[in-house]
Amino acid sequence: MSKQEKFFDVYVSYPPNTDRERIHACLYDNLPENEVESLIQALAERPQAIVAEKCTQDERENAQHYFSYLGLDVIVHQAMELEAVEEETVSSANTPDPIQCLVCMTIIDELDAQECKTCHFDLTEKNELAIQRKRIAWQEKISFEHKKQTEIAHKLKYEHEQEEKNCAKKSVLNWNPNYAKS
C-alpha cells in the first residue's frame, strides 16, 4: 500500500494584544479587497478563520509564512478525511501525529526533532514562561521584517516616482527646446 500524502487546513487568528487596524491595513496592502473583507468578516464572527483547506505541505508552508508576515497567528491542523478502513490501514493508524511548534505553530513531521527549523525553538522546552517569551520575540521578529519590507517597498516606490518625474521633465525639455529658454 502506498503512503498517502498528508493534507493540511490552515487557520488564522488575531494575535493577542495587537492593533487590529494595523493588521487590516497590512491585509489591504497585500491582498485583493474582496478577500480582505471576507477574512475580516470571518474573524469578526469567530476567533479563527480558515484560509486554506486540504493543502499540500508546500502550500501549507507558503500560507503559514505569508499570513504570519501579514501579522496574523497561523494555526495548522492535519486535514481529516474519512476513508474505508482496511486491515493495513489499522496498523498505520497507530503512528503518532506530527508535532506543532509552540512558538511559530509550524507542523514538524520529524517526531524526534529537537529544534524547530523555522524559529529554532528547542522543542524539548516545557517552561510556559520561556515559550511565551520566545513567541513574543518571534512575533516581534516577523513584525520587524514586515516593517522593513514595507519601508523598502515605500522607498522603491518613491524612487520610481522621482525617476518618472525626471523622465517626464526631460521629455518636455527635449520636445520643446524653447521651453528651457523661457
Protein backbone atom coordinates (compact mmCIF):
# COMPACT_ATOMS: atom_id res chain seq x y z
CA MET A 1 0.00 0.00 0.00
CA SER A 2 1.47 3.38 -0.97
CA LYS A 3 1.89 6.09 1.61
CA GLN A 4 -0.93 8.62 1.31
CA GLU A 5 0.04 12.30 1.04
CA LYS A 6 -0.86 14.41 4.07
CA PHE A 7 -3.09 17.43 3.63
CA PHE A 8 -3.50 20.37 5.98
CA ASP A 9 -6.07 23.00 6.93
CA VAL A 10 -4.66 26.47 7.68
CA TYR A 11 -6.47 28.81 10.08
CA VAL A 12 -5.60 32.37 11.10
CA SER A 13 -6.49 34.46 14.13
CA TYR A 14 -5.59 37.82 15.59
CA PRO A 15 -2.60 37.69 17.93
CA PRO A 16 -3.46 38.76 21.49
CA ASN A 17 -2.96 42.44 22.37
CA THR A 18 -2.30 43.67 18.83
CA ASP A 19 -3.62 46.60 16.86
CA ARG A 20 -6.18 45.06 14.53
CA GLU A 21 -6.35 48.21 12.41
CA ARG A 22 -2.63 47.85 11.64
CA ILE A 23 -3.21 44.24 10.62
CA HIS A 24 -6.22 45.28 8.49
CA ALA A 25 -4.11 47.93 6.74
CA CYS A 26 -1.43 45.34 6.03
CA LEU A 27 -4.04 42.93 4.67
CA TYR A 28 -5.46 45.61 2.37
CA ASP A 29 -1.93 46.36 1.13
CA ASN A 30 -1.20 42.73 0.25
CA LEU A 31 -4.48 41.00 -0.66
CA PRO A 32 -7.40 41.73 -3.01
CA GLU A 33 -10.07 43.83 -1.29
CA ASN A 34 -12.81 41.20 -1.57
CA GLU A 35 -10.58 38.59 0.12
CA VAL A 36 -9.70 41.03 2.91
CA GLU A 37 -13.36 41.87 3.51
CA SER A 38 -14.35 38.21 3.76
CA LEU A 39 -11.38 37.41 6.04
CA ILE A 40 -12.13 40.33 8.38
CA GLN A 41 -15.82 39.33 8.42
CA ALA A 42 -14.92 35.71 9.22
CA LEU A 43 -12.60 36.79 12.06
CA ALA A 44 -15.33 39.07 13.43
CA GLU A 45 -17.72 36.12 13.60
CA ARG A 46 -15.33 33.61 15.23
CA PRO A 47 -11.84 33.59 16.76
CA GLN A 48 -10.28 31.57 13.92
CA ALA A 49 -10.90 31.69 10.19
CA ILE A 50 -9.83 29.05 7.70
CA VAL A 51 -7.71 30.36 4.83
CA ALA A 52 -6.69 27.09 3.15
CA GLU A 53 -8.29 23.65 3.16
CA LYS A 54 -6.72 20.32 2.25
CA CYS A 55 -3.49 21.94 1.08
CA THR A 56 -0.18 20.20 0.48
CA GLN A 57 2.91 20.58 2.65
CA ASP A 58 4.34 23.29 0.36
CA GLU A 59 1.05 25.18 0.17
CA ARG A 60 0.75 24.96 3.97
CA GLU A 61 4.25 26.38 4.47
CA ASN A 62 3.59 29.20 1.99
CA ALA A 63 0.29 30.13 3.66
CA GLN A 64 1.86 29.89 7.09
CA HIS A 65 4.76 32.19 6.24
CA TYR A 66 2.59 34.63 4.27
CA PHE A 67 -0.11 35.12 6.89
CA SER A 68 2.49 35.29 9.68
CA TYR A 69 4.19 38.00 7.63
CA LEU A 70 0.85 39.84 7.46
CA GLY A 71 0.68 39.87 11.26
CA LEU A 72 -1.78 37.07 11.96
CA ASP A 73 -1.32 33.99 14.12
CA VAL A 74 -1.39 30.86 11.97
CA ILE A 75 -2.77 27.55 13.20
CA VAL A 76 -2.29 24.39 11.14
CA HIS A 77 -4.20 21.14 11.52
CA GLN A 78 -3.81 17.99 9.54
CA ALA A 79 -6.89 17.61 7.34
CA MET A 80 -9.06 14.75 8.42
CA GLU A 81 -10.71 12.61 5.81
CA LEU A 82 -12.92 9.58 6.25
CA GLU A 83 -11.83 6.59 4.25
CA ALA A 84 -12.61 2.91 4.12
CA VAL A 85 -10.75 1.06 6.84
CA GLU A 86 -8.64 -1.80 5.55
CA GLU A 87 -6.55 -4.20 7.58
CA GLU A 88 -3.32 -2.45 6.58
CA THR A 89 -4.74 0.94 7.50
CA VAL A 90 -5.40 -0.15 11.07
CA SER A 91 -1.69 -0.68 11.74
CA SER A 92 -0.75 2.67 10.20
CA ALA A 93 -3.40 4.40 12.34
CA ASN A 94 -1.20 3.77 15.37
CA THR A 95 1.56 6.07 14.08
CA PRO A 96 1.78 9.30 16.11
CA ASP A 97 0.70 12.61 14.61
CA PRO A 98 3.29 15.25 13.76
CA ILE A 99 4.01 17.83 16.44
CA GLN A 100 3.45 21.57 16.22
CA CYS A 101 5.96 24.20 17.37
CA LEU A 102 4.55 26.13 20.31
CA VAL A 103 6.22 29.35 19.14
CA CYS A 104 5.65 29.72 15.38
CA MET A 105 2.97 26.99 15.02
CA THR A 106 4.90 25.14 12.31
CA ILE A 107 3.94 21.48 11.85
CA ILE A 108 7.02 19.31 12.40
CA ASP A 109 6.82 15.89 10.77
CA GLU A 110 10.02 14.58 12.33
CA LEU A 111 8.83 13.14 15.61
CA ASP A 112 12.35 13.02 17.05
CA ALA A 113 13.18 16.64 16.13
CA GLN A 114 14.79 18.63 18.94
CA GLU A 115 14.50 22.06 17.30
CA CYS A 116 12.01 23.85 15.07
CA LYS A 117 13.56 24.54 11.66
CA THR A 118 11.53 27.73 11.24
CA CYS A 119 12.14 29.61 14.51
CA HIS A 120 14.90 27.44 16.05
CA PHE A 121 12.92 26.86 19.24
CA ASP A 122 14.07 24.00 21.47
CA LEU A 123 11.09 21.61 21.23
CA THR A 124 12.03 19.94 24.50
CA GLU A 125 11.37 23.18 26.40
CA LYS A 126 8.39 22.79 28.73
CA ASN A 127 8.59 26.10 30.66
CA GLU A 128 5.47 28.12 29.77
CA LEU A 129 7.19 31.44 30.53
CA ALA A 130 10.09 30.59 28.20
CA ILE A 131 7.63 29.59 25.48
CA GLN A 132 5.70 32.87 25.89
CA ARG A 133 8.93 34.91 25.70
CA LYS A 134 10.11 33.08 22.60
CA ARG A 135 6.66 33.50 20.98
CA ILE A 136 6.74 37.27 21.65
CA ALA A 137 10.28 37.50 20.28
CA TRP A 138 9.21 35.53 17.19
CA GLN A 139 6.20 37.81 16.60
CA GLU A 140 8.40 40.89 17.03
CA LYS A 141 10.86 39.47 14.50
CA ILE A 142 8.07 38.84 12.00
CA SER A 143 6.68 42.33 12.65
CA PHE A 144 10.12 43.91 12.21
CA GLU A 145 10.71 42.04 8.96
CA HIS A 146 7.31 43.17 7.71
CA LYS A 147 8.08 46.78 8.65
CA LYS A 148 11.44 46.56 6.92
CA GLN A 149 9.84 45.14 3.77
CA THR A 150 7.19 47.88 3.83
CA GLU A 151 9.86 50.56 4.17
CA ILE A 152 11.86 49.08 1.28
CA ALA A 153 8.73 48.94 -0.89
CA HIS A 154 7.90 52.55 0.01
CA LYS A 155 11.45 53.68 -0.80
CA LEU A 156 11.41 51.86 -4.15
CA LYS A 157 8.02 53.37 -5.00
CA TYR A 158 9.29 56.86 -4.09
CA GLU A 159 12.45 56.40 -6.20
CA HIS A 160 10.36 55.14 -9.12
CA GLU A 161 8.04 58.16 -8.88
CA GLN A 162 11.04 60.52 -8.78
CA GLU A 163 12.54 58.84 -11.82
CA GLU A 164 9.24 59.12 -13.68
CA LYS A 165 9.09 62.85 -12.84
CA ASN A 166 12.65 63.32 -14.08
CA CYS A 167 11.92 61.42 -17.30
CA ALA A 168 8.76 63.45 -17.86
CA LYS A 169 10.68 66.67 -17.27
CA LYS A 170 13.42 65.59 -19.71
CA SER A 171 10.88 64.61 -22.34
CA VAL A 172 9.20 68.03 -22.07
CA LEU A 173 12.58 69.74 -22.47
CA ASN A 174 13.50 67.55 -25.44
CA TRP A 175 10.12 68.01 -27.06
CA ASN A 176 10.06 71.82 -26.74
CA PRO A 177 13.59 73.30 -26.89
CA ASN A 178 12.18 76.81 -26.45
CA TYR A 179 10.74 75.76 -23.07
CA ALA A 180 14.18 75.82 -21.45
CA LYS A 181 14.93 79.29 -22.85
CA SER A 182 11.87 80.99 -21.37
